[in-house]
Protein backbone atom coordinates (compact mmCIF):
# COMPACT_ATOMS: atom_id res chain seq x y z
CA MET A 1 -134.95 35.61 -133.86
CA ASN A 2 -132.05 37.71 -131.94
CA VAL A 3 -128.96 36.09 -132.33
CA LEU A 4 -125.40 36.38 -130.49
CA ILE A 5 -122.32 34.96 -131.80
CA LEU A 6 -119.33 34.76 -129.27
CA GLY A 7 -115.90 35.51 -130.19
CA SER A 8 -113.71 37.93 -132.77
CA GLY A 9 -111.82 35.86 -135.25
CA GLY A 10 -112.15 34.85 -138.70
CA ARG A 11 -114.53 32.09 -137.88
CA GLU A 12 -116.79 34.71 -136.00
CA HIS A 13 -117.02 36.89 -138.75
CA ALA A 14 -117.64 33.59 -141.24
CA LEU A 15 -120.57 32.60 -139.00
CA ALA A 16 -121.70 36.10 -139.16
CA TRP A 17 -121.80 36.25 -142.60
CA LYS A 18 -123.60 33.14 -143.33
CA ILE A 19 -126.20 33.76 -140.25
CA ALA A 20 -126.74 37.45 -141.52
CA GLN A 21 -128.39 35.56 -144.78
CA SER A 22 -130.90 33.75 -143.06
CA PRO A 23 -134.97 35.03 -143.37
CA LEU A 24 -134.92 33.84 -139.82
CA LEU A 25 -132.83 36.71 -138.32
CA THR A 26 -134.15 39.74 -136.77
CA THR A 27 -130.91 41.29 -135.43
CA LEU A 28 -127.31 40.06 -135.19
CA PHE A 29 -125.03 40.71 -132.25
CA ILE A 30 -121.16 39.63 -132.24
CA GLY A 31 -119.46 39.55 -129.04
CA PRO A 32 -116.88 41.05 -129.16
CA GLY A 33 -116.48 40.88 -132.99
CA ASN A 34 -113.98 42.75 -134.82
CA ALA A 35 -114.07 45.57 -137.54
CA GLY A 36 -115.27 42.87 -140.14
CA THR A 37 -118.42 41.82 -138.37
CA ARG A 38 -119.44 45.41 -137.74
CA PRO A 39 -121.50 45.73 -141.01
CA LEU A 40 -123.13 42.69 -140.27
CA GLY A 41 -124.53 43.15 -136.99
CA THR A 42 -123.97 45.07 -133.54
CA ASN A 43 -120.28 44.19 -131.94
CA LEU A 44 -120.78 44.06 -128.30
CA ALA A 45 -117.79 44.55 -125.63
CA VAL A 46 -117.96 41.40 -123.66
CA SER A 47 -115.53 38.65 -122.70
CA VAL A 48 -116.11 35.30 -124.10
CA THR A 49 -115.40 33.92 -120.92
CA ASP A 50 -117.16 36.39 -118.33
CA PHE A 51 -120.29 34.78 -118.15
CA ASN A 52 -122.21 37.10 -116.21
CA GLN A 53 -121.27 39.86 -118.65
CA ILE A 54 -122.71 37.60 -121.50
CA LYS A 55 -125.83 36.99 -119.37
CA GLN A 56 -126.44 40.86 -119.13
CA ALA A 57 -126.07 41.15 -122.71
CA VAL A 58 -128.44 38.69 -123.69
CA LEU A 59 -131.32 40.02 -121.41
CA ASP A 60 -130.63 43.46 -122.35
CA ASN A 61 -130.74 42.49 -126.19
CA ASN A 62 -133.44 40.08 -126.13
CA ILE A 63 -131.41 37.20 -127.39
CA GLN A 64 -132.87 34.01 -128.09
CA MET A 65 -129.82 32.03 -129.35
CA VAL A 66 -126.14 32.34 -128.55
CA ILE A 67 -123.64 30.67 -131.19
CA VAL A 68 -120.22 29.82 -129.43
CA GLY A 69 -116.96 30.32 -131.37
CA PRO A 70 -114.11 29.45 -128.98
CA GLU A 71 -113.54 26.32 -127.23
CA ALA A 72 -112.55 28.19 -123.88
CA SER A 73 -116.05 29.27 -123.31
CA LEU A 74 -117.30 25.58 -124.10
CA VAL A 75 -114.68 24.00 -121.70
CA MET A 76 -115.59 26.53 -118.95
CA GLY A 77 -119.52 25.32 -118.94
CA ILE A 78 -121.17 28.13 -121.00
CA HIS A 79 -123.88 25.74 -122.14
CA ASP A 80 -124.59 24.82 -118.52
CA PHE A 81 -124.53 28.33 -117.25
CA PHE A 82 -127.36 29.34 -119.21
CA ALA A 83 -129.31 25.81 -118.46
CA ASN A 84 -129.13 26.45 -114.58
CA ASP A 85 -129.75 30.09 -114.86
CA GLU A 86 -133.56 30.65 -114.68
CA ALA A 87 -133.50 33.77 -116.57
CA LEU A 88 -131.35 32.14 -119.42
CA ARG A 89 -132.58 28.69 -119.79
CA ASP A 90 -134.96 29.38 -122.47
CA VAL A 91 -132.04 30.60 -124.54
CA THR A 92 -130.55 27.99 -126.85
CA VAL A 93 -127.01 27.66 -126.83
CA ILE A 94 -124.90 26.02 -129.96
CA GLY A 95 -122.33 24.33 -128.32
CA PRO A 96 -122.15 21.44 -125.99
CA GLY A 97 -122.01 21.30 -122.14
CA ALA A 98 -118.88 21.15 -120.15
CA ILE A 99 -118.99 17.31 -120.13
CA GLY A 100 -119.03 16.97 -123.96
CA ALA A 101 -116.43 19.78 -123.95
CA GLN A 102 -114.16 17.62 -122.27
CA LEU A 103 -113.34 16.03 -125.77
CA GLU A 104 -111.64 18.99 -126.59
CA GLY A 105 -110.92 20.19 -123.06
CA SER A 106 -108.70 16.84 -122.19
CA LYS A 107 -106.65 14.85 -124.33
CA LYS A 108 -106.84 12.22 -121.74
CA TYR A 109 -110.65 12.11 -121.82
CA ALA A 110 -110.63 12.06 -125.45
CA LYS A 111 -108.23 9.25 -125.94
CA GLU A 112 -110.28 7.09 -123.45
CA PHE A 113 -113.49 7.90 -125.43
CA LEU A 114 -111.81 6.80 -128.59
CA GLN A 115 -110.71 3.79 -126.90
CA ARG A 116 -114.09 2.90 -125.37
CA HIS A 117 -115.87 2.82 -128.80
CA SER A 118 -113.37 1.31 -130.93
CA ILE A 119 -112.62 4.38 -132.85
CA PRO A 120 -109.39 4.26 -134.65
CA THR A 121 -106.51 6.58 -133.20
CA ALA A 122 -102.89 6.41 -132.68
CA ALA A 123 -101.68 4.11 -129.27
CA TYR A 124 -101.12 6.17 -126.26
CA GLN A 125 -100.53 6.55 -122.57
CA SER A 126 -101.14 9.36 -120.10
CA PHE A 127 -99.03 10.47 -117.21
CA SER A 128 -98.88 12.77 -114.24
CA PRO A 129 -95.92 14.39 -112.74
CA GLU A 130 -95.35 11.48 -110.33
CA GLU A 131 -95.26 9.14 -113.06
CA ILE A 132 -92.40 10.88 -114.93
CA GLY A 133 -90.02 7.87 -114.56
CA GLU A 134 -92.82 5.74 -116.30
CA ALA A 135 -93.36 8.30 -118.90
CA LYS A 136 -89.69 8.38 -119.86
CA ALA A 137 -89.68 4.19 -120.05
CA PHE A 138 -92.87 4.43 -122.29
CA LEU A 139 -90.80 7.03 -124.57
CA LYS A 140 -88.00 4.39 -125.09
CA GLU A 141 -90.73 1.95 -126.25
CA LEU A 142 -91.72 4.02 -129.22
CA GLU A 143 -89.99 4.91 -132.42
CA PRO A 144 -89.09 8.63 -132.99
CA PRO A 145 -90.51 11.11 -133.84
CA TYR A 146 -92.05 11.24 -130.39
CA VAL A 147 -95.76 13.16 -129.78
CA LEU A 148 -96.18 15.06 -126.67
CA LYS A 149 -99.58 16.60 -125.79
CA ALA A 150 -100.52 18.82 -122.95
CA ASP A 151 -103.90 17.41 -121.53
CA GLY A 152 -105.71 20.65 -121.16
CA LEU A 153 -106.22 23.59 -123.57
CA ALA A 154 -102.68 25.39 -124.41
CA ALA A 155 -103.84 27.83 -126.81
CA GLY A 156 -103.05 25.64 -129.84
CA LYS A 157 -99.35 25.31 -128.57
CA GLY A 158 -99.84 22.24 -126.39
CA VAL A 159 -98.26 19.30 -128.94
CA LEU A 160 -94.91 18.93 -129.45
CA ILE A 161 -93.58 16.57 -132.35
CA LEU A 162 -89.49 15.74 -131.49
CA ASP A 163 -87.18 13.38 -133.52
CA ASP A 164 -84.80 13.35 -130.36
CA ILE A 165 -85.04 11.11 -127.23
CA LYS A 166 -83.13 13.49 -125.18
CA LYS A 167 -85.07 16.62 -126.33
CA ALA A 168 -88.22 14.57 -125.72
CA GLU A 169 -87.31 13.44 -122.32
CA ASP A 170 -86.33 17.18 -121.63
CA GLU A 171 -89.69 18.88 -122.89
CA LEU A 172 -91.56 15.95 -120.95
CA GLU A 173 -89.83 17.10 -117.77
CA SER A 174 -90.36 20.96 -118.78
CA MET A 175 -94.31 19.82 -119.15
CA LEU A 176 -94.92 18.08 -116.16
CA LEU A 177 -92.49 19.19 -113.80
CA ASP A 178 -91.96 23.05 -114.65
CA ALA A 179 -95.58 23.50 -115.98
CA LYS A 180 -94.46 24.79 -119.32
CA PHE A 181 -98.21 24.98 -120.54
CA GLY A 182 -99.48 25.68 -116.96
CA GLN A 183 -102.35 23.68 -115.71
CA ALA A 184 -102.95 22.34 -118.96
CA SER A 185 -99.66 20.17 -118.81
CA SER A 186 -100.20 18.92 -115.41
CA THR A 187 -101.22 15.45 -117.32
CA VAL A 188 -98.96 14.63 -120.48
CA VAL A 189 -100.41 12.30 -123.37
CA ILE A 190 -97.67 10.29 -124.82
CA GLU A 191 -98.65 8.68 -128.48
CA GLU A 192 -96.96 6.96 -131.43
CA PHE A 193 -96.62 9.02 -134.28
CA LEU A 194 -98.85 8.54 -137.34
CA SER A 195 -97.38 9.44 -140.87
CA GLY A 196 -99.81 10.36 -143.34
CA VAL A 197 -101.83 13.50 -144.84
CA GLU A 198 -103.97 15.21 -142.54
CA LEU A 199 -107.96 16.81 -143.06
CA SER A 200 -110.74 17.88 -141.13
CA CYS A 201 -114.15 16.71 -140.71
CA PHE A 202 -117.08 18.73 -139.28
CA VAL A 203 -120.67 17.58 -137.86
CA LEU A 204 -123.34 19.39 -136.56
CA THR A 205 -125.59 17.11 -134.04
CA ASP A 206 -127.98 17.48 -131.71
CA GLY A 207 -126.71 14.28 -129.86
CA GLU A 208 -129.10 11.93 -131.81
CA ASN A 209 -128.99 12.94 -135.47
CA TYR A 210 -126.27 14.56 -137.38
CA LYS A 211 -125.41 16.57 -140.54
CA LEU A 212 -121.99 16.47 -142.32
CA LEU A 213 -120.45 19.81 -143.30
CA PRO A 214 -118.01 20.28 -146.12
CA PHE A 215 -114.37 18.66 -145.73
CA ALA A 216 -111.64 20.90 -145.38
CA LYS A 217 -107.75 20.76 -145.24
CA ASP A 218 -105.70 23.53 -143.45
CA TYR A 219 -102.14 24.35 -143.18
CA LYS A 220 -100.54 24.79 -139.71
CA ARG A 221 -97.00 25.54 -140.34
CA ILE A 222 -95.82 29.11 -140.71
CA GLY A 223 -93.38 28.49 -143.54
CA GLU A 224 -93.75 27.32 -147.07
CA GLY A 225 -93.53 23.71 -147.75
CA ASP A 226 -95.03 23.16 -144.34
CA THR A 227 -91.98 24.05 -142.60
CA GLY A 228 -91.24 26.40 -139.29
CA LEU A 229 -93.42 26.84 -136.17
CA ASN A 230 -96.80 25.58 -135.84
CA THR A 231 -99.55 28.29 -135.99
CA GLY A 232 -103.42 28.79 -135.64
CA GLY A 233 -103.54 28.09 -139.25
CA MET A 234 -102.14 29.93 -142.43
CA GLY A 235 -105.00 28.79 -144.95
CA ALA A 236 -107.29 26.08 -145.92
CA ILE A 237 -108.93 24.32 -148.58
CA SER A 238 -112.18 22.69 -149.32
CA PRO A 239 -113.12 20.26 -150.56
CA VAL A 240 -110.05 17.78 -150.01
CA PRO A 241 -109.30 16.32 -153.62
CA PHE A 242 -107.52 12.82 -152.05
CA ASN A 243 -111.07 12.31 -149.74
CA ASP A 244 -112.99 10.30 -152.42
CA THR A 245 -116.26 8.35 -152.00
CA LEU A 246 -114.91 5.43 -150.69
CA PHE A 247 -112.82 7.20 -147.97
CA LYS A 248 -115.17 9.50 -147.03
CA GLN A 249 -117.56 6.38 -146.14
CA LYS A 250 -114.74 5.04 -143.91
CA ILE A 251 -114.72 7.96 -141.93
CA ILE A 252 -118.45 7.98 -141.84
CA ASP A 253 -118.85 4.43 -140.71
CA ARG A 254 -115.68 4.14 -138.57
CA ILE A 255 -115.52 7.61 -136.94
CA VAL A 256 -118.35 9.80 -137.20
CA GLU A 257 -121.32 7.23 -136.66
CA PRO A 258 -119.52 5.68 -133.78
CA THR A 259 -119.01 9.20 -132.13
CA ILE A 260 -122.62 10.11 -132.13
CA LYS A 261 -123.60 6.61 -131.05
CA GLY A 262 -120.76 6.74 -128.06
CA LEU A 263 -122.19 10.19 -127.06
CA ARG A 264 -125.82 8.46 -127.01
CA GLN A 265 -124.53 5.60 -125.12
CA GLU A 266 -122.76 7.55 -122.48
CA LYS A 267 -125.69 9.77 -122.24
CA ILE A 268 -123.51 12.80 -122.93
CA PRO A 269 -125.97 15.54 -124.16
CA TYR A 270 -124.50 17.48 -127.15
CA THR A 271 -125.78 20.31 -129.20
CA GLY A 272 -123.45 22.06 -131.62
CA PHE A 273 -120.21 21.37 -133.79
CA ILE A 274 -117.72 18.54 -133.49
CA PHE A 275 -114.71 19.16 -135.51
CA ILE A 276 -112.71 15.71 -136.06
CA GLY A 277 -108.94 16.06 -136.73
CA LEU A 278 -108.14 13.11 -139.04
CA ILE A 279 -105.02 11.87 -140.57
CA LYS A 280 -105.19 9.48 -143.90
CA VAL A 281 -102.88 6.71 -143.09
CA GLY A 282 -102.27 4.65 -146.40
CA SER A 283 -105.92 4.04 -147.22
CA GLU A 284 -107.20 4.25 -143.56
CA PRO A 285 -108.64 7.19 -141.26
CA TYR A 286 -107.41 7.68 -137.75
CA VAL A 287 -108.53 10.18 -135.28
CA ILE A 288 -106.05 12.82 -133.96
CA GLU A 289 -108.31 14.75 -132.06
CA TYR A 290 -111.63 16.18 -131.32
CA ASN A 291 -112.79 19.55 -131.08
CA VAL A 292 -116.04 20.89 -129.83
CA ARG A 293 -116.47 23.71 -132.08
CA LEU A 294 -115.79 25.19 -135.56
CA GLY A 295 -112.12 25.48 -136.93
CA ASP A 296 -110.44 28.42 -137.72
CA PRO A 297 -109.11 28.62 -140.65
CA GLU A 298 -111.49 25.88 -142.01
CA THR A 299 -114.84 27.78 -141.29
CA GLU A 300 -113.71 30.19 -143.60
CA VAL A 301 -113.93 27.73 -146.46
CA ILE A 302 -116.60 25.43 -145.47
CA LEU A 303 -119.31 28.11 -144.75
CA PRO A 304 -119.15 29.55 -148.27
CA ARG A 305 -119.98 26.11 -149.66
CA ILE A 306 -123.13 25.44 -147.67
CA GLN A 307 -126.00 26.35 -149.28
CA SER A 308 -128.59 25.50 -146.73
CA ASP A 309 -129.94 27.92 -144.16
CA LEU A 310 -127.58 27.10 -141.30
CA LEU A 311 -129.75 29.12 -138.85
CA GLU A 312 -132.63 26.92 -139.84
CA SER A 313 -130.44 24.18 -138.90
CA PHE A 314 -129.81 25.81 -135.27
CA VAL A 315 -133.59 26.30 -135.08
CA ALA A 316 -134.30 22.83 -135.76
CA ILE A 317 -131.98 21.53 -133.01
CA ALA A 318 -133.81 24.17 -130.67
CA GLU A 319 -137.25 22.86 -131.58
CA GLY A 320 -136.40 19.06 -131.37
CA ARG A 321 -136.63 18.42 -134.94
CA PHE A 322 -133.26 18.22 -136.32
CA ASP A 323 -133.08 15.39 -138.48
CA ASN A 324 -130.39 13.39 -140.61
CA LYS A 325 -131.45 15.14 -144.07
CA PRO A 326 -128.01 16.31 -145.74
CA LEU A 327 -127.12 20.10 -146.06
CA GLU A 328 -127.02 21.45 -149.52
CA ILE A 329 -123.40 21.97 -150.46
CA ASN A 330 -122.02 23.70 -153.24
CA ALA A 331 -119.81 21.70 -155.81
CA ASP A 332 -117.29 24.67 -156.11
CA TYR A 333 -113.73 24.90 -154.58
CA ALA A 334 -113.16 27.58 -151.87
CA ILE A 335 -109.74 28.69 -150.48
CA THR A 336 -108.72 30.99 -147.80
CA ILE A 337 -105.03 32.39 -147.12
CA ILE A 338 -104.22 33.93 -144.11
CA ALA A 339 -102.61 37.15 -143.68
CA VAL A 340 -100.42 37.50 -140.56
CA SER A 341 -98.68 40.11 -138.49
CA GLY A 342 -94.75 40.07 -138.95
CA GLY A 343 -93.04 37.79 -136.31
CA TYR A 344 -96.15 35.80 -135.43
CA PRO A 345 -96.48 33.13 -134.33
CA GLU A 346 -94.06 34.40 -131.80
CA ALA A 347 -93.92 38.35 -130.86
CA TYR A 348 -95.67 40.67 -133.14
CA GLU A 349 -96.99 44.33 -132.87
CA LYS A 350 -100.67 45.04 -133.42
CA GLY A 351 -102.14 48.55 -134.68
CA LYS A 352 -100.61 48.74 -138.07
CA PRO A 353 -102.86 50.49 -140.56
CA ILE A 354 -104.32 48.27 -143.42
CA SER A 355 -104.60 49.86 -146.92
CA GLY A 356 -106.57 48.41 -149.85
CA LEU A 357 -109.40 47.09 -148.28
CA GLN A 358 -111.45 49.68 -150.03
CA ASP A 359 -110.74 48.08 -153.31
CA LEU A 360 -112.10 44.68 -152.54
CA ASP A 361 -115.61 43.67 -152.30
CA SER A 362 -116.87 42.52 -148.82
CA GLN A 363 -117.43 38.97 -149.86
CA ALA A 364 -113.59 38.67 -150.51
CA LEU A 365 -112.26 38.07 -147.27
CA PHE A 366 -113.16 37.73 -143.41
CA HIS A 367 -111.53 39.70 -141.01
CA ALA A 368 -109.64 37.61 -138.32
CA GLY A 369 -107.55 40.20 -135.99
CA THR A 370 -108.64 43.75 -136.81
CA ARG A 371 -110.22 46.85 -135.27
CA GLU A 372 -111.74 49.78 -136.45
CA GLU A 373 -110.96 53.45 -135.00
CA ASN A 374 -112.35 56.39 -136.49
CA GLY A 375 -113.03 54.77 -139.77
CA HIS A 376 -109.95 53.41 -140.17
CA ILE A 377 -109.06 49.56 -139.89
CA PHE A 378 -105.94 48.56 -137.95
CA THR A 379 -104.23 44.91 -137.30
CA ASN A 380 -105.26 43.46 -133.72
CA GLY A 381 -103.88 40.26 -133.55
CA GLY A 382 -101.46 37.69 -134.88
CA ARG A 383 -103.62 36.35 -138.09
CA VAL A 384 -105.27 39.31 -139.71
CA LEU A 385 -107.22 38.65 -142.37
CA ALA A 386 -108.65 35.58 -144.04
CA ILE A 387 -108.34 36.23 -148.13
CA ARG A 388 -111.09 34.16 -150.04
CA GLY A 389 -111.07 32.52 -153.54
CA GLN A 390 -113.70 30.63 -154.90
CA GLY A 391 -114.16 28.51 -158.41
CA ASN A 392 -115.27 25.53 -159.97
CA THR A 393 -111.46 24.23 -159.83
CA MET A 394 -108.78 24.51 -157.14
CA GLU A 395 -106.69 26.52 -159.66
CA LYS A 396 -109.33 28.93 -160.16
CA ALA A 397 -109.99 29.37 -156.34
CA LEU A 398 -106.34 29.92 -155.84
CA GLU A 399 -105.97 32.01 -158.41
CA GLN A 400 -108.77 34.53 -157.12
CA GLY A 401 -107.84 34.24 -153.73
CA TYR A 402 -104.20 35.29 -154.34
CA SER A 403 -105.34 38.11 -156.84
CA ASN A 404 -107.61 39.71 -153.93
CA LEU A 405 -104.36 39.16 -151.66
CA LYS A 406 -102.23 41.60 -153.56
CA CYS A 407 -104.62 44.48 -153.13
CA LEU A 408 -104.06 44.51 -149.28
CA GLN A 409 -101.06 45.98 -147.39
CA TYR A 410 -99.69 46.76 -143.82
CA GLU A 411 -96.48 46.76 -142.18
CA GLY A 412 -94.85 43.41 -141.60
CA MET A 413 -97.59 41.72 -143.56
CA TYR A 414 -96.77 38.04 -144.23
CA TYR A 415 -98.84 35.01 -146.09
CA ARG A 416 -97.75 31.75 -147.38
CA LYS A 417 -97.61 31.50 -151.48
CA ASP A 418 -98.08 27.72 -151.51
CA ILE A 419 -101.74 27.03 -150.06
CA GLY A 420 -102.90 23.70 -151.96
CA PHE A 421 -99.46 23.06 -153.09
CA ASP A 422 -99.70 19.56 -151.91
CA LEU A 423 -102.84 18.69 -153.63
């Protein structure tokens, strides 16, 4: 089987690494990929949002399956584009159609779905620019901190948590009236703040059955001790020590199964991943958000723990024989530490040469934002490398990861030294 993975980050490198191990694979393509995916398959110069370009690549390379990494492609309707094109409709797309993708594409839609199916989440209301007065009045009903969420996709920057009511009102005006996040903030969701510890739940489903993937915890803030600006993720760990048997069962009973049942009841076709962002408040799980694809950097710690053939599960979805049989999961701890460009998540420079890669086994890291030129590897993004560690204890996994990291160097390189500190 010829397979195309869409995307260019650490998530896509990890997917390529996992899919390349399957005996069902004939040829692997990654579009556009990065310097790390090149040894695993063929990088294709395609844009993840140019569907006609992707169509041509699929036809030219006789691709039978497309695994979609980024959310933008899904929210824009790539699954439906394939289903409605006579030349492409036999190609399997792992990722939901545009309706299912609204679980990530619209915070308001996701909140209403959660409410309809009695899935625990923070209390909320949504507002348009014409309702700015009502929105400010609702803010005054809440206790600080105040949570403002742009309804649409905002490249991970559309959520603000503010302690001061005046600052919250100013940001609300900026989002609704001044289009701070463009079209994404034409509607704003205001919700109560939940205090607790976060974790990520991942599900693979055909819309009827599902398989649980390993749970993970990621670290979003740029600074140690979870301080500073939010990022796309500075590291992750799996499994999550506080996610014991009882708590995990609560997640399955109250959140995962009602989500799958809700999709069935509303006749929303869904093939692919559901990423459920959770928070543990006391001893109870609540949903913070849905994503409709794998997370990054969580993918880099959950895929190394899956012993089952992931491509076989995708083929089972395509052939209508996907079931609830659990995936085989390795008991080891897996961690990833993200090395970023200096200045990230604000302005940063690209094109810095990376040294030390030759000193590491290819299994020791995934590339997140790199490019290759004349045999040399350069930085090509804010998050540059995801350095791995694995072991039968969290301490051993962290020790291996940080040891691997010390081999690497590029100008402005920064990473958090406290991944797993709170566990």
